[in-house]
N, C-alpha and C. Protein backbone atom coordinates (compact mmCIF):
# COMPACT_ATOMS: atom_id res chain seq x y z
N MET A 1 -6.04 16.62 -18.52
CA MET A 1 -5.53 17.46 -17.35
C MET A 1 -4.23 15.60 -16.85
N ILE A 2 -3.45 16.25 -17.00
CA ILE A 2 -1.63 15.81 -16.57
C ILE A 2 -2.10 15.22 -15.02
N VAL A 3 -1.49 14.15 -14.98
CA VAL A 3 -1.93 13.77 -13.93
C VAL A 3 -0.41 12.64 -13.47
N THR A 4 -0.11 12.52 -12.33
CA THR A 4 1.50 11.94 -11.81
C THR A 4 0.62 10.60 -11.43
N VAL A 5 1.04 9.11 -12.30
CA VAL A 5 0.73 7.96 -11.81
C VAL A 5 1.55 7.51 -10.81
N ALA A 6 3.28 7.89 -11.32
CA ALA A 6 4.25 7.14 -10.38
C ALA A 6 5.18 7.87 -10.56
N ARG A 7 5.89 7.50 -9.53
CA ARG A 7 7.43 8.22 -9.47
C ARG A 7 8.30 7.02 -9.38
N ILE A 8 9.65 6.65 -10.29
CA ILE A 8 10.22 5.87 -10.26
C ILE A 8 11.29 6.02 -9.22
N GLY A 9 11.61 4.70 -8.82
CA GLY A 9 12.50 4.31 -7.42
C GLY A 9 13.26 3.53 -7.58
N ARG A 10 14.15 3.05 -7.03
CA ARG A 10 15.54 2.01 -7.09
C ARG A 10 15.46 1.26 -8.18
N ALA A 11 16.21 0.96 -8.99
CA ALA A 11 16.79 -0.13 -9.75
C ALA A 11 16.98 -1.31 -9.15
N HIS A 12 15.85 -2.44 -9.42
CA HIS A 12 16.20 -3.36 -9.05
C HIS A 12 16.42 -4.75 -10.17
N GLY A 13 17.62 -5.13 -10.02
CA GLY A 13 18.46 -6.02 -10.60
C GLY A 13 18.98 -5.43 -11.78
N LEU A 14 19.55 -6.50 -12.66
CA LEU A 14 20.80 -6.04 -13.85
C LEU A 14 20.09 -5.71 -15.21
N LYS A 15 18.70 -5.59 -15.05
CA LYS A 15 17.93 -5.67 -16.47
C LYS A 15 17.16 -4.31 -16.46
N GLY A 16 17.49 -3.55 -15.68
CA GLY A 16 16.62 -2.09 -16.00
C GLY A 16 15.02 -2.73 -14.92
N GLU A 17 14.83 -3.03 -14.38
CA GLU A 17 13.67 -3.09 -13.65
C GLU A 17 13.73 -1.72 -12.73
N VAL A 18 12.94 -1.10 -11.96
CA VAL A 18 13.01 -0.43 -11.05
C VAL A 18 11.18 -0.72 -10.45
N SER A 19 11.77 -0.18 -9.43
CA SER A 19 10.42 -0.11 -7.96
C SER A 19 9.98 1.43 -8.60
N VAL A 20 8.71 1.03 -8.11
CA VAL A 20 7.83 2.59 -8.39
C VAL A 20 7.05 3.34 -7.29
N GLU A 21 6.89 4.60 -6.86
CA GLU A 21 5.80 5.08 -5.69
C GLU A 21 4.51 5.33 -6.06
N LEU A 22 3.86 4.23 -6.09
CA LEU A 22 2.33 4.44 -6.58
C LEU A 22 2.43 6.01 -6.55
N ARG A 23 1.70 7.14 -6.80
CA ARG A 23 0.52 8.08 -7.13
C ARG A 23 -0.83 7.85 -7.48
N THR A 24 -1.16 6.51 -7.55
CA THR A 24 -2.23 6.56 -8.12
C THR A 24 -3.50 5.37 -7.59
N ASP A 25 -4.60 5.22 -7.47
CA ASP A 25 -5.37 4.39 -6.56
C ASP A 25 -5.27 3.40 -7.74
N ILE A 26 -5.45 3.19 -9.00
CA ILE A 26 -5.43 2.08 -9.66
C ILE A 26 -4.56 1.78 -10.74
N PRO A 27 -3.06 1.34 -9.63
CA PRO A 27 -2.28 0.98 -10.67
C PRO A 27 -2.32 -0.29 -11.32
N GLU A 28 -3.66 -1.04 -11.46
CA GLU A 28 -3.40 -2.59 -12.04
C GLU A 28 -4.15 -1.94 -13.29
N GLU A 29 -4.55 -0.97 -13.37
CA GLU A 29 -5.19 -0.40 -14.62
C GLU A 29 -4.05 0.75 -15.37
N ARG A 30 -3.63 1.10 -14.75
CA ARG A 30 -2.63 1.80 -15.14
C ARG A 30 -1.16 1.56 -15.64
N LEU A 31 -0.93 0.70 -15.09
CA LEU A 31 1.12 0.33 -14.85
C LEU A 31 0.36 -1.06 -16.05
N VAL A 32 -0.16 -1.13 -16.93
CA VAL A 32 -0.14 -2.37 -17.92
C VAL A 32 0.84 -2.49 -18.80
N PRO A 33 1.19 -3.48 -19.66
CA PRO A 33 1.99 -3.25 -21.08
C PRO A 33 1.87 -2.94 -21.97
N GLY A 34 2.18 -2.25 -22.55
CA GLY A 34 1.92 -1.30 -23.69
C GLY A 34 1.69 0.36 -23.38
N ALA A 35 1.61 0.46 -21.97
CA ALA A 35 0.99 1.51 -21.54
C ALA A 35 2.37 2.89 -21.28
N SER A 36 1.80 4.02 -22.29
CA SER A 36 3.00 4.89 -22.31
C SER A 36 2.49 6.29 -21.46
N PHE A 37 3.82 6.56 -21.07
CA PHE A 37 4.02 7.42 -20.41
C PHE A 37 4.84 8.59 -20.63
N SER A 38 4.50 9.75 -20.95
CA SER A 38 5.33 11.15 -20.33
C SER A 38 6.19 11.47 -19.31
N THR A 39 7.32 11.81 -19.38
CA THR A 39 7.92 12.17 -17.82
C THR A 39 8.11 13.54 -17.26
N GLU A 40 8.78 13.66 -16.53
CA GLU A 40 8.96 14.83 -15.88
C GLU A 40 10.30 13.71 -14.94
N PRO A 41 11.58 14.99 -15.47
CA PRO A 41 12.08 15.54 -16.11
C PRO A 41 11.35 14.81 -18.03
N SER A 42 10.69 15.45 -18.85
CA SER A 42 10.66 15.06 -19.94
C SER A 42 11.91 14.50 -20.92
N ALA A 43 13.63 15.28 -20.86
CA ALA A 43 14.13 13.92 -21.56
C ALA A 43 14.53 12.97 -21.86
N VAL A 44 13.60 12.41 -20.10
CA VAL A 44 14.04 10.62 -19.80
C VAL A 44 12.65 10.09 -21.02
N GLY A 45 11.77 10.67 -20.88
CA GLY A 45 10.68 9.35 -21.80
C GLY A 45 10.65 9.88 -22.92
N PRO A 46 9.36 9.86 -23.82
CA PRO A 46 8.06 8.44 -22.95
C PRO A 46 8.90 7.34 -22.51
N LEU A 47 7.76 6.94 -21.97
CA LEU A 47 8.15 5.44 -21.46
C LEU A 47 7.04 4.32 -21.36
N THR A 48 7.55 3.53 -21.86
CA THR A 48 6.69 1.85 -22.81
C THR A 48 6.94 0.89 -21.38
N VAL A 49 5.59 0.74 -20.82
CA VAL A 49 5.71 -0.30 -19.96
C VAL A 49 5.50 -1.60 -20.55
N THR A 50 6.92 -2.57 -20.31
CA THR A 50 6.50 -4.07 -20.88
C THR A 50 5.80 -5.30 -20.34
N ARG A 51 6.82 -4.80 -18.63
CA ARG A 51 6.34 -5.69 -17.50
C ARG A 51 6.37 -5.06 -16.38
N THR A 52 5.33 -5.55 -15.72
CA THR A 52 5.05 -5.49 -14.14
C THR A 52 4.57 -6.69 -13.30
N ARG A 53 4.92 -6.60 -12.07
CA ARG A 53 4.94 -7.54 -10.63
C ARG A 53 4.81 -6.30 -10.00
N GLN A 54 3.92 -7.17 -8.45
CA GLN A 54 4.18 -7.06 -7.34
C GLN A 54 4.75 -7.97 -6.60
N GLN A 55 5.55 -7.37 -5.04
CA GLN A 55 6.23 -8.54 -4.72
C GLN A 55 6.09 -7.31 -2.89
N SER A 56 5.48 -8.01 -1.99
CA SER A 56 5.68 -7.59 -0.95
C SER A 56 5.21 -6.09 -1.04
N GLY A 57 3.93 -6.24 -1.65
CA GLY A 57 3.38 -4.94 -1.57
C GLY A 57 3.93 -3.76 -2.59
N ARG A 58 4.94 -4.09 -2.82
CA ARG A 58 5.74 -2.68 -3.89
C ARG A 58 5.42 -3.34 -5.23
N TRP A 59 5.75 -2.05 -6.28
CA TRP A 59 5.23 -2.34 -7.43
C TRP A 59 6.79 -2.30 -8.30
N TYR A 60 6.81 -3.11 -9.35
CA TYR A 60 8.14 -2.94 -9.95
C TYR A 60 7.46 -2.89 -11.51
N VAL A 61 8.63 -2.47 -12.30
CA VAL A 61 8.51 -2.16 -13.65
C VAL A 61 9.24 -2.08 -14.72
N GLN A 62 8.96 -2.90 -15.74
CA GLN A 62 9.86 -3.17 -16.80
C GLN A 62 9.47 -1.94 -17.83
N PHE A 63 10.86 -1.03 -17.99
CA PHE A 63 9.93 -0.61 -19.28
C PHE A 63 11.01 -0.63 -20.69
N GLU A 64 10.35 -0.73 -21.81
CA GLU A 64 10.99 -0.71 -23.02
C GLU A 64 12.38 0.19 -23.45
N GLN A 65 12.69 1.03 -22.88
CA GLN A 65 13.70 2.33 -22.86
C GLN A 65 14.83 1.53 -22.06
N LEU A 66 14.20 1.82 -20.69
CA LEU A 66 15.03 0.84 -19.54
C LEU A 66 16.06 -0.35 -19.73
N ARG A 67 17.01 0.01 -20.21
CA ARG A 67 17.57 -1.86 -20.26
C ARG A 67 18.42 -2.32 -19.79
N ASP A 68 18.75 -1.45 -18.62
CA ASP A 68 19.95 -1.75 -17.81
C ASP A 68 20.08 -1.06 -16.52
N ARG A 69 20.85 -1.65 -15.54
CA ARG A 69 20.96 -1.18 -14.30
C ARG A 69 21.35 0.41 -14.66
N ASP A 70 21.80 0.72 -15.23
CA ASP A 70 22.46 2.52 -15.37
C ASP A 70 21.61 3.02 -15.90
N ALA A 71 20.88 2.49 -16.89
CA ALA A 71 19.70 3.07 -17.36
C ALA A 71 18.51 3.48 -16.05
N ALA A 72 18.42 2.36 -15.44
CA ALA A 72 17.69 2.23 -14.59
C ALA A 72 17.87 3.20 -13.08
N GLU A 73 18.90 3.28 -12.72
CA GLU A 73 19.37 4.17 -12.02
C GLU A 73 19.41 5.85 -12.28
N ALA A 74 19.69 5.52 -13.75
CA ALA A 74 19.40 7.54 -14.26
C ALA A 74 18.15 7.91 -14.04
N ALA A 75 17.32 6.78 -14.14
CA ALA A 75 15.51 7.38 -14.18
C ALA A 75 15.25 7.72 -12.48
N ARG A 76 15.82 7.29 -12.11
CA ARG A 76 15.36 7.26 -10.24
C ARG A 76 15.09 9.09 -9.99
N GLY A 77 13.88 9.05 -9.96
CA GLY A 77 13.39 10.53 -9.65
C GLY A 77 12.35 10.62 -10.56
N VAL A 78 12.27 10.36 -11.17
CA VAL A 78 11.39 10.74 -12.92
C VAL A 78 10.10 10.15 -12.44
N SER A 79 8.84 11.20 -12.59
CA SER A 79 7.72 11.09 -12.30
C SER A 79 7.43 10.60 -14.09
N LEU A 80 6.24 9.45 -13.86
CA LEU A 80 5.36 9.14 -14.44
C LEU A 80 3.90 9.94 -14.63
N LEU A 81 3.84 10.36 -16.23
CA LEU A 81 2.46 11.58 -15.79
C LEU A 81 1.87 10.77 -17.33
N ILE A 82 0.42 11.00 -16.94
CA ILE A 82 -0.75 10.62 -18.41
C ILE A 82 -1.72 11.75 -18.37
N ASP A 83 -2.39 11.61 -19.25
CA ASP A 83 -3.38 13.16 -19.42
C ASP A 83 -4.28 12.04 -19.21
N ALA A 84 -5.00 12.33 -17.88
CA ALA A 84 -6.81 11.59 -17.62
C ALA A 84 -7.05 12.84 -17.42
N ASP A 85 -8.89 11.99 -17.29
CA ASP A 85 -9.68 12.57 -17.34
C ASP A 85 -10.25 13.19 -15.85
N GLU A 86 -11.08 14.23 -15.69
CA GLU A 86 -11.43 13.95 -14.29
C GLU A 86 -12.23 13.16 -13.77
N ASP A 87 -12.18 12.93 -12.60
CA ASP A 87 -12.62 11.44 -11.71
C ASP A 87 -13.93 11.98 -11.16
N GLU A 88 -14.49 11.29 -11.35
CA GLU A 88 -16.67 11.79 -11.11
C GLU A 88 -16.50 11.57 -9.76
N GLU A 89 -15.69 10.98 -9.18
CA GLU A 89 -15.86 10.55 -7.57
C GLU A 89 -16.16 12.04 -6.53
N ASP A 90 -17.01 12.18 -5.97
CA ASP A 90 -16.49 13.36 -5.56
C ASP A 90 -16.16 13.46 -4.20
N ASP A 91 -15.67 12.21 -3.27
CA ASP A 91 -14.10 11.93 -2.23
C ASP A 91 -13.27 11.73 -3.22
N ALA A 92 -12.58 11.96 -4.27
CA ALA A 92 -11.63 11.62 -4.72
C ALA A 92 -11.10 13.01 -5.43
N TRP A 93 -9.53 13.30 -4.59
CA TRP A 93 -8.71 14.35 -5.50
C TRP A 93 -7.77 14.29 -5.50
N PHE A 94 -6.85 14.83 -6.85
CA PHE A 94 -5.44 14.69 -7.35
C PHE A 94 -4.82 14.98 -6.34
N VAL A 95 -3.37 14.75 -5.94
CA VAL A 95 -2.43 15.60 -5.58
C VAL A 95 -2.48 17.30 -5.46
N HIS A 96 -2.43 17.67 -6.97
CA HIS A 96 -1.93 18.97 -7.21
C HIS A 96 -3.16 19.55 -6.84
N GLU A 97 -4.75 19.37 -6.59
CA GLU A 97 -5.76 19.71 -6.35
C GLU A 97 -5.46 20.34 -4.66
N LEU A 98 -4.97 19.41 -3.80
CA LEU A 98 -4.76 19.17 -2.75
C LEU A 98 -3.74 20.29 -2.23
N VAL A 99 -2.44 20.76 -2.70
CA VAL A 99 -1.41 20.99 -2.44
C VAL A 99 -1.71 22.54 -2.40
N GLY A 100 -1.75 22.87 -1.10
CA GLY A 100 -1.98 24.47 -1.23
C GLY A 100 -2.81 25.28 -0.95
N LEU A 101 -3.79 24.22 -0.32
CA LEU A 101 -5.26 24.12 0.35
C LEU A 101 -4.38 24.96 1.80
N THR A 102 -5.44 25.36 2.48
CA THR A 102 -5.26 25.89 3.74
C THR A 102 -5.87 25.30 4.47
N ALA A 103 -5.14 24.71 5.86
CA ALA A 103 -5.51 23.44 6.53
C ALA A 103 -5.98 24.56 7.82
N GLU A 104 -6.66 24.03 8.22
CA GLU A 104 -7.66 24.55 9.68
C GLU A 104 -8.48 23.63 10.33
N ARG A 105 -8.28 24.23 12.09
CA ARG A 105 -9.03 23.18 12.60
C ARG A 105 -10.76 23.57 12.35
N PRO A 106 -11.44 22.61 12.68
CA PRO A 106 -13.22 22.98 12.86
C PRO A 106 -13.46 24.64 13.14
N ASP A 107 -13.05 25.17 14.18
CA ASP A 107 -13.36 26.16 14.81
C ASP A 107 -12.46 27.39 14.16
N GLY A 108 -11.65 26.86 12.95
CA GLY A 108 -11.65 28.00 12.14
C GLY A 108 -10.24 28.40 12.93
N THR A 109 -9.37 27.81 13.29
CA THR A 109 -7.96 27.86 13.55
C THR A 109 -7.20 27.55 12.31
N LEU A 110 -6.11 28.09 12.13
CA LEU A 110 -5.45 27.77 11.33
C LEU A 110 -4.15 27.09 11.30
N VAL A 111 -4.06 26.21 10.91
CA VAL A 111 -3.07 25.32 11.14
C VAL A 111 -2.05 25.28 10.03
N GLY A 112 -1.90 25.40 8.82
CA GLY A 112 -0.92 25.68 8.00
C GLY A 112 -1.42 25.50 6.17
N LYS A 113 -0.69 25.16 5.80
CA LYS A 113 -0.79 24.83 4.12
C LYS A 113 -0.74 23.05 3.60
N VAL A 114 -1.27 23.00 2.79
CA VAL A 114 -1.07 21.32 2.35
C VAL A 114 0.10 21.47 1.44
N VAL A 115 0.96 20.88 1.56
CA VAL A 115 2.31 20.94 0.59
C VAL A 115 2.53 19.36 -0.14
N ASP A 116 1.93 18.19 0.17
CA ASP A 116 1.87 16.98 -0.40
C ASP A 116 0.93 16.04 0.05
N LEU A 117 0.66 15.53 -0.53
CA LEU A 117 0.44 14.28 0.09
C LEU A 117 0.99 12.83 -0.46
N GLN A 118 1.44 12.48 0.83
CA GLN A 118 2.19 11.04 0.96
C GLN A 118 1.78 9.93 1.26
N PRO A 119 2.17 8.49 0.07
CA PRO A 119 1.43 7.92 0.37
C PRO A 119 2.00 6.46 0.68
N MET A 120 0.88 5.72 1.40
CA MET A 120 1.61 4.85 2.69
C MET A 120 0.77 3.79 2.03
N PRO A 121 1.11 2.76 2.75
CA PRO A 121 0.38 1.61 2.63
C PRO A 121 -0.72 1.34 3.05
N ALA A 122 -1.21 1.75 4.33
CA ALA A 122 -2.24 2.28 5.00
C ALA A 122 -3.50 2.87 4.76
N GLN A 123 -2.69 4.23 4.94
CA GLN A 123 -3.60 5.14 4.13
C GLN A 123 -2.76 6.50 3.50
N ASP A 124 -3.44 7.72 3.18
CA ASP A 124 -1.99 8.11 2.87
C ASP A 124 -1.88 9.40 3.85
N LEU A 125 -0.77 10.13 3.78
CA LEU A 125 -0.97 11.12 4.53
C LEU A 125 -0.83 12.13 4.39
N LEU A 126 -1.66 13.77 4.71
CA LEU A 126 -1.74 14.71 4.45
C LEU A 126 -0.40 16.02 4.94
N VAL A 127 0.46 15.88 4.09
CA VAL A 127 1.47 17.11 5.02
C VAL A 127 1.23 18.38 4.74
N VAL A 128 1.08 18.59 5.99
CA VAL A 128 0.88 20.27 5.99
C VAL A 128 2.14 20.99 6.80
N ALA A 129 2.46 22.07 5.80
CA ALA A 129 3.55 22.92 6.91
C ALA A 129 2.90 23.85 7.77
N GLN A 130 3.26 23.78 9.07
CA GLN A 130 2.63 24.89 10.25
C GLN A 130 4.02 26.03 10.19
N ALA A 131 3.21 26.83 10.92
CA ALA A 131 4.22 28.25 10.36
C ALA A 131 5.32 28.24 11.24
N SER A 132 5.52 26.87 12.16
CA SER A 132 6.75 26.94 13.02
C SER A 132 7.94 26.23 11.97
N GLY A 133 7.39 26.16 10.90
CA GLY A 133 8.53 24.97 9.91
C GLY A 133 8.50 23.36 9.80
N HIS A 134 7.34 22.90 10.81
CA HIS A 134 7.45 21.84 10.83
C HIS A 134 6.10 21.05 10.05
N ARG A 135 6.72 20.23 9.32
CA ARG A 135 5.28 19.04 8.47
C ARG A 135 4.99 17.87 9.74
N ALA A 136 3.54 18.44 9.29
CA ALA A 136 2.69 17.63 10.12
C ALA A 136 2.40 16.51 9.15
N LEU A 137 1.87 15.39 9.73
CA LEU A 137 1.78 13.97 8.94
C LEU A 137 0.35 13.43 9.34
N ILE A 138 -0.75 13.97 8.66
CA ILE A 138 -2.09 13.97 9.25
C ILE A 138 -2.40 12.68 8.59
N PRO A 139 -3.18 11.73 9.08
CA PRO A 139 -3.48 10.40 8.06
C PRO A 139 -4.84 10.99 7.14
N PHE A 140 -4.79 10.58 6.08
CA PHE A 140 -5.90 11.14 5.23
C PHE A 140 -7.47 10.23 5.07
N VAL A 141 -7.78 10.32 6.10
CA VAL A 141 -9.06 9.28 6.56
C VAL A 141 -10.21 10.20 6.99
N ALA A 142 -11.62 10.04 7.12
CA ALA A 142 -12.70 10.80 7.62
C ALA A 142 -12.38 11.29 8.72
N ASP A 143 -12.05 10.78 9.87
CA ASP A 143 -11.73 10.61 11.72
C ASP A 143 -11.14 12.04 11.37
N PHE A 144 -10.08 12.56 10.58
CA PHE A 144 -9.55 13.52 10.83
C PHE A 144 -9.22 14.39 9.99
N VAL A 145 -9.23 13.93 8.66
CA VAL A 145 -9.55 14.77 7.54
C VAL A 145 -11.01 15.41 7.52
N LEU A 146 -11.99 16.05 8.17
CA LEU A 146 -13.29 15.89 7.97
C LEU A 146 -13.92 16.96 6.60
N GLU A 147 -13.26 17.66 6.21
CA GLU A 147 -13.70 18.44 4.73
C GLU A 147 -12.54 18.75 3.95
N VAL A 148 -12.47 18.56 2.95
CA VAL A 148 -11.54 19.12 1.38
C VAL A 148 -12.50 20.21 0.14
N ASP A 149 -12.28 21.29 0.65
CA ASP A 149 -13.14 22.34 -0.21
C ASP A 149 -12.68 22.77 -1.45
N VAL A 150 -12.11 22.15 -2.44
CA VAL A 150 -11.17 22.80 -3.36
C VAL A 150 -11.45 24.16 -3.73
N ASP A 151 -13.18 24.36 -4.14
CA ASP A 151 -13.11 25.21 -4.38
C ASP A 151 -13.25 26.49 -3.47
N THR A 152 -12.81 26.82 -2.78
CA THR A 152 -12.61 27.79 -1.19
C THR A 152 -10.98 28.01 -0.93
N GLY A 153 -10.61 26.49 -1.15
CA GLY A 153 -9.16 26.67 -1.09
C GLY A 153 -8.91 26.13 0.36
N ARG A 154 -9.43 24.87 1.26
CA ARG A 154 -9.50 24.91 2.74
C ARG A 154 -9.59 23.46 2.70
N VAL A 155 -9.40 23.20 3.65
CA VAL A 155 -9.00 21.55 4.47
C VAL A 155 -9.43 21.81 5.77
N VAL A 156 -10.48 20.91 6.37
CA VAL A 156 -10.90 21.37 7.89
C VAL A 156 -10.70 19.69 8.17
N VAL A 157 -9.27 19.92 9.60
CA VAL A 157 -8.45 18.83 9.74
C VAL A 157 -8.55 18.76 11.34
N ASP A 158 -9.12 17.74 12.10
CA ASP A 158 -8.50 17.40 13.05
C ASP A 158 -8.18 16.22 13.52
N PRO A 159 -6.64 16.66 13.93
CA PRO A 159 -6.08 15.17 13.96
C PRO A 159 -5.85 15.34 15.54
N PRO A 160 -5.46 13.71 15.33
CA PRO A 160 -5.11 13.30 17.34
C PRO A 160 -4.06 13.97 17.77
N TYR A 161 -4.43 14.02 19.40
CA TYR A 161 -3.23 14.94 19.91
C TYR A 161 -1.92 15.04 19.28
N GLY A 162 -0.80 15.72 19.60
CA GLY A 162 0.29 15.40 19.41
C GLY A 162 1.17 15.41 17.78
N LEU A 163 -0.16 15.53 17.22
CA LEU A 163 0.49 15.75 15.76
C LEU A 163 1.16 17.35 15.17
N LEU A 164 0.53 17.84 16.34
CA LEU A 164 0.68 19.59 15.53
C LEU A 164 1.33 20.15 16.76
N ASP A 165 2.40 21.41 16.15
CA ASP A 165 3.22 22.14 17.11
C ASP A 165 2.23 22.69 17.84
N GLY A 166 2.71 22.98 19.20
CA GLY A 166 1.90 24.05 19.93
C GLY A 166 0.84 23.52 20.70
N GLU A 167 0.67 21.87 20.84
CA GLU A 167 -0.58 21.32 21.66
C GLU A 167 -0.07 20.92 23.09
N GLN A 168 -1.23 21.35 23.13
CA GLN A 168 -1.07 21.62 25.17
C GLN A 168 -2.22 19.85 25.33
N PRO A 169 -1.97 19.20 26.46
CA PRO A 169 -3.09 18.05 26.96
C PRO A 169 -4.17 18.83 27.39
N GLU A 170 -5.27 18.40 27.30
CA GLU A 170 -6.41 18.85 28.20
C GLU A 170 -6.10 19.02 29.58
N SER A 171 -6.90 19.78 30.34
CA SER A 171 -6.30 19.52 31.53
C SER A 171 -7.73 19.00 31.71
N THR A 172 -7.58 18.01 33.20
CA THR A 172 -9.05 17.50 33.44
C THR A 172 -9.07 18.08 35.34
N GLY A 173 -8.41 18.93 35.45
CA GLY A 173 -8.59 19.61 36.76
C GLY A 173 -8.13 19.15 37.70
N GLU A 174 -7.38 18.04 37.39
CA GLU A 174 -6.56 17.11 39.11
C GLU A 174 -5.40 17.52 38.69
N THR A 175 -4.44 17.73 39.87
CA THR A 175 -3.09 18.01 39.68
C THR A 175 -2.46 16.63 40.05
N ALA A 176 -1.24 16.46 39.81
CA ALA A 176 -0.74 15.43 39.86
C ALA A 176 -0.26 14.92 41.52
N GLY A 177 -0.89 13.83 42.22
CA GLY A 177 -0.74 13.25 43.27
C GLY A 177 -1.84 13.29 43.93
N GLU A 178 -2.74 13.78 43.28
CA GLU A 178 -4.22 13.73 43.63
C GLU A 178 -5.10 12.63 43.35
N ALA A 179 -5.81 12.10 44.37
CA ALA A 179 -6.40 10.51 44.06
C ALA A 179 -7.98 10.71 43.91
C-alpha cells in the first residue's frame, strides 16, 4: 500500500535542506540516510535522504537530488511516498483510510465528512467538513473520537462544546439575574 510519509515544506539554508511536515508516527525509522522515496507529483522524485536532523520539534531533511535552495524551493509541497505493509495495530489508521468517513455523534446525528487529518505537536486533528461548509478541527484523542469503523465508513465523535456549528449551550434552568 502506498502511504505518505511527509510533505516537503520550506527550504532551509542554501544547500537544499528542507523542512518536512510529518505524516508518519515513526519518522526516526523512515527518514534515515539512504532511504528512497517516490514522490507526488512523480516528476520530482525519486528522492534519497542523505541527512536528517531535528530542531525545536521540526524535522529537516537533505536529499541527494536537491543540491541548492532553488531546487529545494521547487520541491515545496511534494509528498514523499513509500510502499508500506498494513499496520497491525488496531487503533492506528492511515489518513487515506479516514478521509471520506461519515462523522456522527454517539446518538447517530450527522456531523459531516472527514476530509483530512492535520498533524499537530500535541495530537492530530480530525478535519470534518460540516454541511454549513465550516471545517471542524476535532482533537484525535479517545475522549473526543470514540470509535473509528473503516468497514462501515463511519467515525463517532463527541467533541467539546464550541467546535461544531449550530451548537447551543445546555440550559441549566436558571435565568440571568437569578441567584
